């Protein structure tokens, strides 16, 4: 059985069915040839056995004429007949098996013929339903409002597929004050840096649909396609006069004319090859779903890069704050080291005075009446605190230099609060 693929043309399905029929016929012919060969072989065996049987009968007849060996010859004849029957039994069974195979092949052929007929009927029904659906769609799309809504839906689906978000990366039916008056483009794409790009989703469709109706004459089709190209050119001129870009704050000087169907634009370009150049001169970019999706994907990528740049700026600001705080901490550590150094100096002066002035007098007092306990001389501290000499402590002054600033950085609120607290 041949599986039917939805939407295939009847000619393709019929050709496929014809191929299957030819394969079945070839298999049937091969089976019949094999059976004929087996039958011929069996017939040859039967002929040989028949000759043997005739010879046996003749011999039996001769033996019957001999009275002395009549009984023996009769027994031999019966034994010969039994052997012949045993020899013919496998041949008969083989012939019956071949007949069953032929019957099965015939049943399979009849069943496949019935299935092919059913598939052809289903294909014809599918083609008829598709034709009716196409006619219904064509009649619906002739309505300007319906066609406009369909184009806007196609455009929004395409934009969202490219990764842009409504009311963030694009706006629908936004009002703009262009040089030609108040306008409302179908969509405005927001670009990084506060820039914008207008897109119109309307496209002429009637003549193109009429040109592809079933049964239309070639001359009429050519005339309708020429009219379609003229309408597309007129649509370009209309969009150019509206000048959507003049009503946007910052915008490239062109409007994207979205053509929802590739064939709509290709048919117009085949009749009017200069249409694309004319559109460029008028500031109109004719875009089909394929190339518009690529353009929108680029916009989405640019937005991602913009977000990464903003994140990098925040990280740079946080890095500056962290570096300033580390330097501040290092200053406190340096102050603590100097304080420890002064304490060590005072301690050493104290121990020196103790050893020079106090302990000698105490020892003289102890000499008059010696005690077991002796006064131990305090040890001096020889090691001084390490001085911080890292050049990083001097970089904080360079960070405030204007020529070394990568971004336009404003002090973070947390940094201002911390510096105010340190000053206090």
Protein backbone atom coordinates (compact mmCIF):
# COMPACT_ATOMS: atom_id res chain seq x y z
CA UNK A 1 0.00 0.00 0.00
CA UNK A 2 1.33 3.45 -0.97
CA UNK A 3 1.09 6.04 1.79
CA UNK A 4 -0.60 9.21 0.66
CA UNK A 5 1.06 12.51 1.44
CA UNK A 6 -1.43 15.34 2.13
CA UNK A 7 -1.33 18.09 -0.44
CA UNK A 8 0.23 16.01 -3.28
CA UNK A 9 -1.05 16.62 -6.78
CA UNK A 10 -3.35 13.94 -8.28
CA UNK A 11 -0.90 13.44 -11.16
CA UNK A 12 1.90 12.59 -8.68
CA UNK A 13 -0.32 10.19 -6.74
CA UNK A 14 -1.56 8.55 -9.97
CA UNK A 15 2.01 8.13 -11.23
CA UNK A 16 3.01 6.56 -7.94
CA UNK A 17 0.03 4.22 -8.07
CA UNK A 18 0.89 3.26 -11.65
CA UNK A 19 4.42 2.39 -10.54
CA UNK A 20 3.07 0.16 -7.77
CA UNK A 21 0.74 -1.58 -10.26
CA UNK A 22 3.62 -2.23 -12.61
CA UNK A 23 5.64 -3.73 -9.76
CA UNK A 24 2.73 -6.01 -8.81
CA UNK A 25 2.32 -7.09 -12.45
CA UNK A 26 6.04 -7.85 -12.71
CA UNK A 27 5.88 -9.92 -9.54
CA UNK A 28 2.84 -11.78 -10.88
CA UNK A 29 4.60 -12.49 -14.21
CA UNK A 30 7.68 -13.76 -12.38
CA UNK A 31 5.54 -15.99 -10.15
CA UNK A 32 3.68 -17.36 -13.16
CA UNK A 33 6.99 -18.01 -14.95
CA UNK A 34 8.25 -19.88 -11.91
CA UNK A 35 5.05 -21.91 -11.75
CA UNK A 36 5.27 -22.70 -15.46
CA UNK A 37 8.85 -23.89 -14.99
CA UNK A 38 7.78 -26.08 -12.08
CA UNK A 39 4.86 -27.41 -14.11
CA UNK A 40 7.15 -28.21 -17.03
CA UNK A 41 9.53 -30.05 -14.73
CA UNK A 42 6.65 -31.93 -13.15
CA UNK A 43 5.24 -32.77 -16.58
CA UNK A 44 8.59 -34.18 -17.66
CA UNK A 45 8.65 -36.32 -14.54
CA UNK A 46 5.09 -37.47 -15.23
CA UNK A 47 6.02 -38.36 -18.81
CA UNK A 48 8.97 -40.40 -17.64
CA UNK A 49 6.85 -42.15 -15.07
CA UNK A 50 4.13 -42.75 -17.64
CA UNK A 51 6.66 -44.39 -19.95
CA UNK A 52 7.87 -46.50 -17.08
CA UNK A 53 4.30 -47.45 -16.30
CA UNK A 54 3.67 -48.47 -19.90
CA UNK A 55 6.80 -50.58 -19.91
CA UNK A 56 5.72 -52.18 -16.64
CA UNK A 57 2.33 -52.95 -18.07
CA UNK A 58 3.86 -54.48 -21.17
CA UNK A 59 6.13 -56.56 -19.01
CA UNK A 60 3.15 -57.55 -16.87
CA UNK A 61 1.26 -58.59 -19.98
CA UNK A 62 4.14 -60.72 -21.05
CA UNK A 63 4.31 -62.29 -17.62
CA UNK A 64 0.62 -63.02 -17.74
CA UNK A 65 1.28 -65.03 -20.87
CA UNK A 66 3.66 -67.16 -18.90
CA UNK A 67 1.75 -69.46 -16.64
CA UNK A 68 4.66 -70.48 -14.47
CA UNK A 69 5.53 -66.93 -13.40
CA UNK A 70 2.07 -65.34 -13.62
CA UNK A 71 1.71 -64.79 -9.90
CA UNK A 72 5.21 -63.36 -9.54
CA UNK A 73 4.78 -61.01 -12.48
CA UNK A 74 1.44 -59.82 -11.14
CA UNK A 75 3.01 -58.96 -7.78
CA UNK A 76 5.82 -57.08 -9.51
CA UNK A 77 3.30 -55.06 -11.51
CA UNK A 78 1.40 -54.08 -8.39
CA UNK A 79 4.64 -53.06 -6.67
CA UNK A 80 5.58 -50.92 -9.70
CA UNK A 81 2.26 -49.10 -9.65
CA UNK A 82 2.60 -48.40 -5.93
CA UNK A 83 6.08 -46.93 -6.47
CA UNK A 84 4.79 -44.65 -9.23
CA UNK A 85 2.05 -43.31 -7.00
CA UNK A 86 4.55 -42.63 -4.22
CA UNK A 87 6.80 -40.80 -6.69
CA UNK A 88 3.94 -38.60 -7.97
CA UNK A 89 2.72 -37.57 -4.50
CA UNK A 90 5.41 -34.80 -3.88
CA UNK A 91 4.76 -33.41 -7.35
CA UNK A 92 1.06 -33.09 -6.66
CA UNK A 93 1.70 -31.38 -3.33
CA UNK A 94 4.11 -28.94 -4.99
CA UNK A 95 1.52 -28.10 -7.65
CA UNK A 96 -1.09 -27.46 -4.99
CA UNK A 97 1.33 -25.14 -3.14
CA UNK A 98 1.99 -23.19 -6.36
CA UNK A 99 -1.74 -22.84 -6.91
CA UNK A 100 -2.21 -21.43 -3.41
CA UNK A 101 0.55 -18.87 -4.05
CA UNK A 102 -1.11 -17.82 -7.29
CA UNK A 103 -4.42 -17.40 -5.49
CA UNK A 104 -2.76 -15.29 -2.76
CA UNK A 105 -1.10 -13.06 -5.37
CA UNK A 106 -4.40 -12.53 -7.10
CA UNK A 107 -6.10 -11.57 -3.84
CA UNK A 108 -3.27 -9.15 -3.02
CA UNK A 109 -3.52 -7.57 -6.47
CA UNK A 110 -7.27 -7.07 -6.14
CA UNK A 111 -6.84 -5.57 -2.65
CA UNK A 112 -4.13 -3.16 -3.83
CA UNK A 113 -6.28 -2.08 -6.76
CA UNK A 114 -9.09 -1.28 -4.33
CA UNK A 115 -6.75 0.65 -2.02
CA UNK A 116 -5.35 2.65 -4.93
CA UNK A 117 -8.83 3.56 -6.05
CA UNK A 118 -9.68 4.71 -2.50
CA UNK A 119 -6.52 6.81 -2.29
CA UNK A 120 -7.23 8.43 -5.63
CA UNK A 121 -10.72 9.37 -4.45
CA UNK A 122 -9.32 10.83 -1.22
CA UNK A 123 -6.71 12.78 -3.18
CA UNK A 124 -9.35 14.22 -5.45
CA UNK A 125 -11.41 15.24 -2.42
CA UNK A 126 -8.35 16.88 -0.80
CA UNK A 127 -7.56 18.80 -3.97
CA UNK A 128 -11.13 19.98 -4.21
CA UNK A 129 -11.17 21.06 -0.56
CA UNK A 130 -7.85 22.90 -1.01
CA UNK A 131 -9.20 24.68 -4.06
CA UNK A 132 -12.32 25.76 -2.17
CA UNK A 133 -10.20 26.96 0.78
CA UNK A 134 -7.95 28.92 -1.57
CA UNK A 135 -10.96 30.52 -3.24
CA UNK A 136 -12.40 31.42 0.17
CA UNK A 137 -9.09 32.92 1.32
CA UNK A 138 -8.79 34.88 -1.91
CA UNK A 139 -12.29 36.30 -1.54
CA UNK A 140 -11.62 37.24 2.10
CA UNK A 141 -8.28 38.91 1.32
CA UNK A 142 -9.95 41.12 -1.27
CA UNK A 143 -11.38 43.08 1.65
CA UNK A 144 -8.94 45.89 2.46
CA UNK A 145 -9.61 45.80 6.21
CA UNK A 146 -9.16 42.03 6.43
CA UNK A 147 -6.05 42.15 4.27
CA UNK A 148 -4.58 44.93 6.43
CA UNK A 149 -5.28 42.99 9.63
CA UNK A 150 -3.73 39.89 8.09
CA UNK A 151 -0.59 41.80 7.12
CA UNK A 152 -0.29 43.35 10.60
CA UNK A 153 -0.69 39.91 12.20
CA UNK A 154 2.00 38.47 9.94
CA UNK A 155 4.30 41.39 10.78
CA UNK A 156 3.78 41.11 14.55
CA UNK A 157 4.38 37.35 14.48
CA UNK A 158 7.59 37.89 12.51
CA UNK A 159 8.82 40.62 14.88
CA UNK A 160 8.14 38.55 18.00
CA UNK A 161 9.83 35.55 16.39
CA UNK A 162 12.94 37.70 15.89
CA UNK A 163 13.04 38.28 19.67
CA UNK A 164 11.59 41.82 20.00
CA UNK A 165 9.06 42.73 22.71
CA UNK A 166 5.90 44.80 22.29
CA UNK A 167 5.92 48.28 23.91
CA UNK A 168 9.64 47.84 24.60
CA UNK A 169 11.34 47.13 21.29
CA UNK A 170 8.41 48.10 19.04
CA UNK A 171 5.04 49.89 19.13
CA UNK A 172 1.88 49.18 17.13
CA UNK A 173 -0.17 51.95 15.48
CA UNK A 174 1.88 54.72 17.08
CA UNK A 175 0.87 58.28 16.07
CA UNK A 176 3.57 60.45 14.48
CA UNK A 177 3.48 64.07 13.30
CA UNK A 178 5.15 63.83 9.90
CA UNK A 179 5.67 66.65 7.42
CA UNK A 180 2.64 65.31 5.53
CA UNK A 181 0.43 65.52 8.64
CA UNK A 182 -0.59 63.23 11.47
CA UNK A 183 0.21 59.64 10.49
CA UNK A 184 -0.11 56.21 12.09
CA UNK A 185 2.40 53.63 10.79
CA UNK A 186 1.55 49.98 11.44
CA UNK A 187 4.68 49.53 13.54
CA UNK A 188 7.59 51.59 14.85
CA UNK A 189 10.77 49.69 15.73
CA UNK A 190 12.78 51.22 18.59
CA UNK A 191 16.50 51.16 17.85
CA UNK A 192 19.36 51.59 20.36
CA UNK A 193 20.42 55.16 21.01
CA UNK A 194 16.86 56.56 20.90
CA UNK A 195 16.44 55.90 17.17
CA UNK A 196 13.30 54.62 15.44
CA UNK A 197 12.25 52.92 12.20
CA UNK A 198 8.73 52.86 10.69
CA UNK A 199 7.21 49.75 9.04
CA UNK A 200 4.05 49.60 6.91
CA UNK A 201 2.31 46.21 6.57
CA UNK A 202 -0.14 46.94 3.75
CA UNK A 203 0.34 45.51 0.25
CA UNK A 204 -1.78 45.32 -2.94
CA UNK A 205 -3.18 41.83 -3.36
CA UNK A 206 -6.30 41.71 -5.57
CA UNK A 207 -4.69 41.63 -9.02
CA UNK A 208 -2.19 39.01 -7.91
CA UNK A 209 -4.96 36.74 -6.59
CA UNK A 210 -7.04 37.22 -9.75
CA UNK A 211 -4.03 36.34 -11.91
CA UNK A 212 -3.67 32.98 -10.18
CA UNK A 213 -7.27 31.83 -10.40
CA UNK A 214 -7.78 28.42 -11.97
CA UNK A 215 -8.59 28.33 -15.68
CA UNK A 216 -7.56 31.91 -16.44
CA UNK A 217 -6.22 32.69 -19.92
CA UNK A 218 -2.47 33.49 -20.24
CA UNK A 219 -3.18 36.90 -21.80
CA UNK A 220 -5.49 37.84 -18.93
CA UNK A 221 -2.94 36.61 -16.39
CA UNK A 222 -0.19 38.74 -17.93
CA UNK A 223 -2.45 41.79 -17.88
CA UNK A 224 -3.36 41.22 -14.22
CA UNK A 225 0.29 40.76 -13.22
CA UNK A 226 1.17 44.01 -14.99
CA UNK A 227 -1.62 45.73 -13.06
CA UNK A 228 -0.26 44.16 -9.85
CA UNK A 229 3.20 45.63 -10.51
CA UNK A 230 1.67 49.06 -11.15
CA UNK A 231 -0.23 48.89 -7.86
CA UNK A 232 2.93 47.95 -5.96
CA UNK A 233 4.74 50.92 -7.53
CA UNK A 234 1.79 53.15 -6.60
CA UNK A 235 1.94 51.81 -3.04
CA UNK A 236 5.64 52.77 -2.91
CA UNK A 237 4.86 56.31 -4.07
CA UNK A 238 2.06 56.63 -1.49
CA UNK A 239 4.36 55.59 1.37
CA UNK A 240 7.05 57.97 0.13
CA UNK A 241 4.59 60.89 0.24
CA UNK A 242 3.60 60.03 3.82
CA UNK A 243 7.24 60.27 4.96
CA UNK A 244 6.84 58.50 8.28
CA UNK A 245 10.51 59.12 9.16
CA UNK A 246 9.93 62.89 9.30
CA UNK A 247 7.65 62.39 12.32
CA UNK A 248 10.08 60.28 14.32
CA UNK A 249 12.66 61.93 16.65
CA UNK A 250 15.69 60.18 15.19
CA UNK A 251 15.12 57.88 12.22
CA UNK A 252 16.87 56.76 9.03
CA UNK A 253 15.26 58.41 6.03
CA UNK A 254 13.30 55.42 4.79
CA UNK A 255 10.17 53.40 5.53
CA UNK A 256 10.07 49.60 5.41
CA UNK A 257 7.20 48.35 3.23
CA UNK A 258 6.46 44.83 4.49
CA UNK A 259 5.20 42.46 1.76
CA UNK A 260 3.68 39.48 3.64
CA UNK A 261 4.21 37.02 0.76
CA UNK A 262 7.41 36.38 -1.20
CA UNK A 263 5.45 35.75 -4.41
CA UNK A 264 3.73 39.13 -4.20
CA UNK A 265 7.06 40.94 -4.56
CA UNK A 266 8.62 38.44 -6.97
CA UNK A 267 5.67 38.68 -9.36
CA UNK A 268 5.90 42.49 -9.38
CA UNK A 269 9.68 42.44 -9.93
CA UNK A 270 9.36 40.00 -12.84
CA UNK A 271 7.07 42.44 -14.64
CA UNK A 272 8.79 45.64 -13.43
CA UNK A 273 12.53 44.94 -12.78
CA UNK A 274 13.20 48.61 -11.94
CA UNK A 275 10.66 48.57 -9.10
CA UNK A 276 13.26 47.93 -6.37
CA UNK A 277 15.53 50.75 -7.56
CA UNK A 278 12.55 53.10 -7.77
CA UNK A 279 11.58 52.21 -4.19
CA UNK A 280 15.11 52.95 -2.94
CA UNK A 281 15.06 56.34 -4.65
CA UNK A 282 11.77 57.13 -2.91
CA UNK A 283 13.10 56.10 0.52
CA UNK A 284 11.09 52.86 0.65
CA UNK A 285 12.60 49.45 1.44
CA UNK A 286 10.53 46.56 0.06
CA UNK A 287 10.94 43.72 2.56
CA UNK A 288 9.59 40.17 2.46
CA UNK A 289 9.40 37.96 5.58
CA UNK A 290 12.84 36.49 4.85
CA UNK A 291 14.93 39.66 4.64
CA UNK A 292 12.84 41.57 7.20
CA UNK A 293 13.41 38.78 9.73
CA UNK A 294 17.16 39.12 9.16
CA UNK A 295 16.90 42.88 9.69
CA UNK A 296 14.90 42.45 12.90
CA UNK A 297 17.31 39.81 14.17
CA UNK A 298 20.09 42.36 13.73
CA UNK A 299 18.07 44.90 15.73
CA UNK A 300 17.53 42.36 18.53
CA UNK A 301 21.27 41.61 18.58
CA UNK A 302 22.03 45.34 18.76
CA UNK A 303 19.72 45.67 21.76
CA UNK A 304 21.56 42.82 23.48
CA UNK A 305 24.88 44.54 22.83
CA UNK A 306 23.43 47.77 24.21
CA UNK A 307 22.40 45.96 27.38
CA UNK A 308 25.88 44.45 27.69
CA UNK A 309 27.42 47.92 27.31
CA UNK A 310 25.19 49.28 30.08
CA UNK A 311 26.12 46.35 32.32
CA UNK A 312 29.79 46.98 31.61
CA UNK A 313 29.36 50.63 32.61
CA UNK A 314 27.72 49.62 35.90
CA UNK A 315 30.52 47.15 36.57
CA UNK A 316 33.08 49.87 35.84
CA UNK A 317 31.39 52.22 38.30
CA UNK A 318 31.27 49.51 40.96
CA UNK A 319 34.92 48.72 40.28
CA UNK A 320 35.88 52.35 40.85
CA UNK A 321 33.91 52.47 44.10
CA UNK A 322 35.49 49.23 45.29
CA UNK A 323 38.97 50.46 44.39
CA UNK A 324 38.45 53.75 46.25
CA UNK A 325 37.26 51.86 49.31
CA UNK A 326 40.23 49.50 49.20
CA UNK A 327 42.57 52.50 49.04
CA UNK A 328 40.68 54.07 51.96
CA UNK A 329 41.13 50.86 53.92
CA UNK A 330 44.83 50.86 53.07
CA UNK A 331 45.11 54.43 54.41
CA UNK A 332 43.54 53.32 57.69
CA UNK A 333 45.96 50.39 57.87
CA UNK A 334 48.85 52.78 57.23
CA UNK A 335 47.64 55.05 60.05
CA UNK A 336 47.38 52.03 62.32
CA UNK A 337 50.96 51.03 61.41
CA UNK A 338 52.27 54.50 62.23
CA UNK A 339 50.39 54.41 65.53
CA UNK A 340 51.94 51.03 66.36
CA UNK A 341 55.34 52.42 65.42
CA UNK A 342 54.87 55.34 67.83
CA UNK A 343 53.78 52.90 70.57
CA UNK A 344 56.91 50.80 69.99
CA UNK A 345 59.07 53.92 70.16
CA UNK A 346 57.43 54.98 73.43
CA UNK A 347 57.78 51.43 74.78
CA UNK A 348 61.50 51.32 73.95
CA UNK A 349 62.01 54.75 75.60
CA UNK A 350 60.18 53.49 78.67
CA UNK A 351 62.31 50.33 78.90
CA UNK A 352 65.51 52.34 78.37
CA UNK A 353 64.60 54.72 81.19
CA UNK A 354 63.67 51.76 83.37
CA UNK A 355 67.01 50.05 82.80
CA UNK A 356 69.11 53.21 83.20
CA UNK A 357 67.40 54.92 86.12
CA UNK A 358 64.96 52.73 88.03
CA UNK A 359 66.52 49.24 88.02
CA UNK A 360 70.04 50.29 89.28
CA UNK A 361 68.50 52.03 92.31
CA UNK A 362 66.27 49.02 92.97
CA UNK A 363 69.28 46.68 92.84
CA UNK A 364 71.15 48.84 95.38
CA UNK A 365 68.15 48.59 97.74
CA UNK A 366 68.08 44.82 97.23
CA UNK A 367 71.84 44.58 98.02
CA UNK A 368 71.22 45.78 101.61
CA UNK A 369 68.80 42.89 102.23
CA UNK A 370 68.90 40.43 99.32
CA UNK A 371 65.64 38.79 98.24
CA UNK A 372 65.21 35.60 96.31
CA UNK A 373 63.25 37.26 93.50
CA UNK A 374 65.23 39.25 90.96
CA UNK A 375 63.91 42.07 88.79
CA UNK A 376 64.11 41.05 85.13
CA UNK A 377 65.03 43.73 82.65
CA UNK A 378 62.29 44.25 80.01
CA UNK A 379 63.33 43.39 76.46
CA UNK A 380 63.27 46.09 73.82
CA UNK A 381 61.17 45.67 70.62
CA UNK A 382 63.60 45.69 67.74
CA UNK A 383 61.21 44.95 64.77
CA UNK A 384 59.25 47.95 63.45
CA UNK A 385 55.87 47.72 61.64
CA UNK A 386 56.13 47.31 57.87
CA UNK A 387 55.49 50.47 55.90
CA UNK A 388 52.95 50.22 53.01
CA UNK A 389 54.68 51.52 49.89
CA UNK A 390 52.42 50.07 47.15
CA UNK A 391 51.99 52.47 44.19
CA UNK A 392 48.29 51.51 44.09
CA UNK A 393 47.76 53.94 46.98
CA UNK A 394 48.62 56.77 44.63
CA UNK A 395 46.33 55.63 41.74
CA UNK A 396 43.21 56.95 43.44
CA UNK A 397 44.22 60.45 42.47
CA UNK A 398 44.58 59.41 38.80
CA UNK A 399 41.10 57.85 38.71
CA UNK A 400 39.59 61.29 39.08
CA UNK A 401 41.41 62.60 36.01
CA UNK A 402 38.95 63.30 33.16
CA UNK A 403 41.17 61.91 30.40
CA UNK A 404 41.26 58.46 32.09
CA UNK A 405 37.46 58.10 32.36
CA UNK A 406 36.09 55.46 29.94
CA UNK A 407 32.38 56.15 30.52
CA UNK A 408 30.45 59.21 31.60
CA UNK A 409 30.42 58.07 35.20
CA UNK A 410 28.40 59.72 37.91
CA UNK A 411 29.24 58.86 41.55
CA UNK A 412 27.03 56.16 42.94
CA UNK A 413 24.73 57.18 45.77
CA UNK A 414 26.26 54.57 48.07
CA UNK A 415 29.74 55.95 47.39
CA UNK A 416 28.65 59.51 48.20
CA UNK A 417 27.09 58.36 51.46
CA UNK A 418 30.21 56.39 52.44
CA UNK A 419 32.57 59.26 51.64
CA UNK A 420 30.38 61.64 53.65
CA UNK A 421 30.45 59.22 56.58
CA UNK A 422 34.27 58.95 56.35
CA UNK A 423 34.61 62.72 56.29
CA UNK A 424 32.44 62.96 59.39
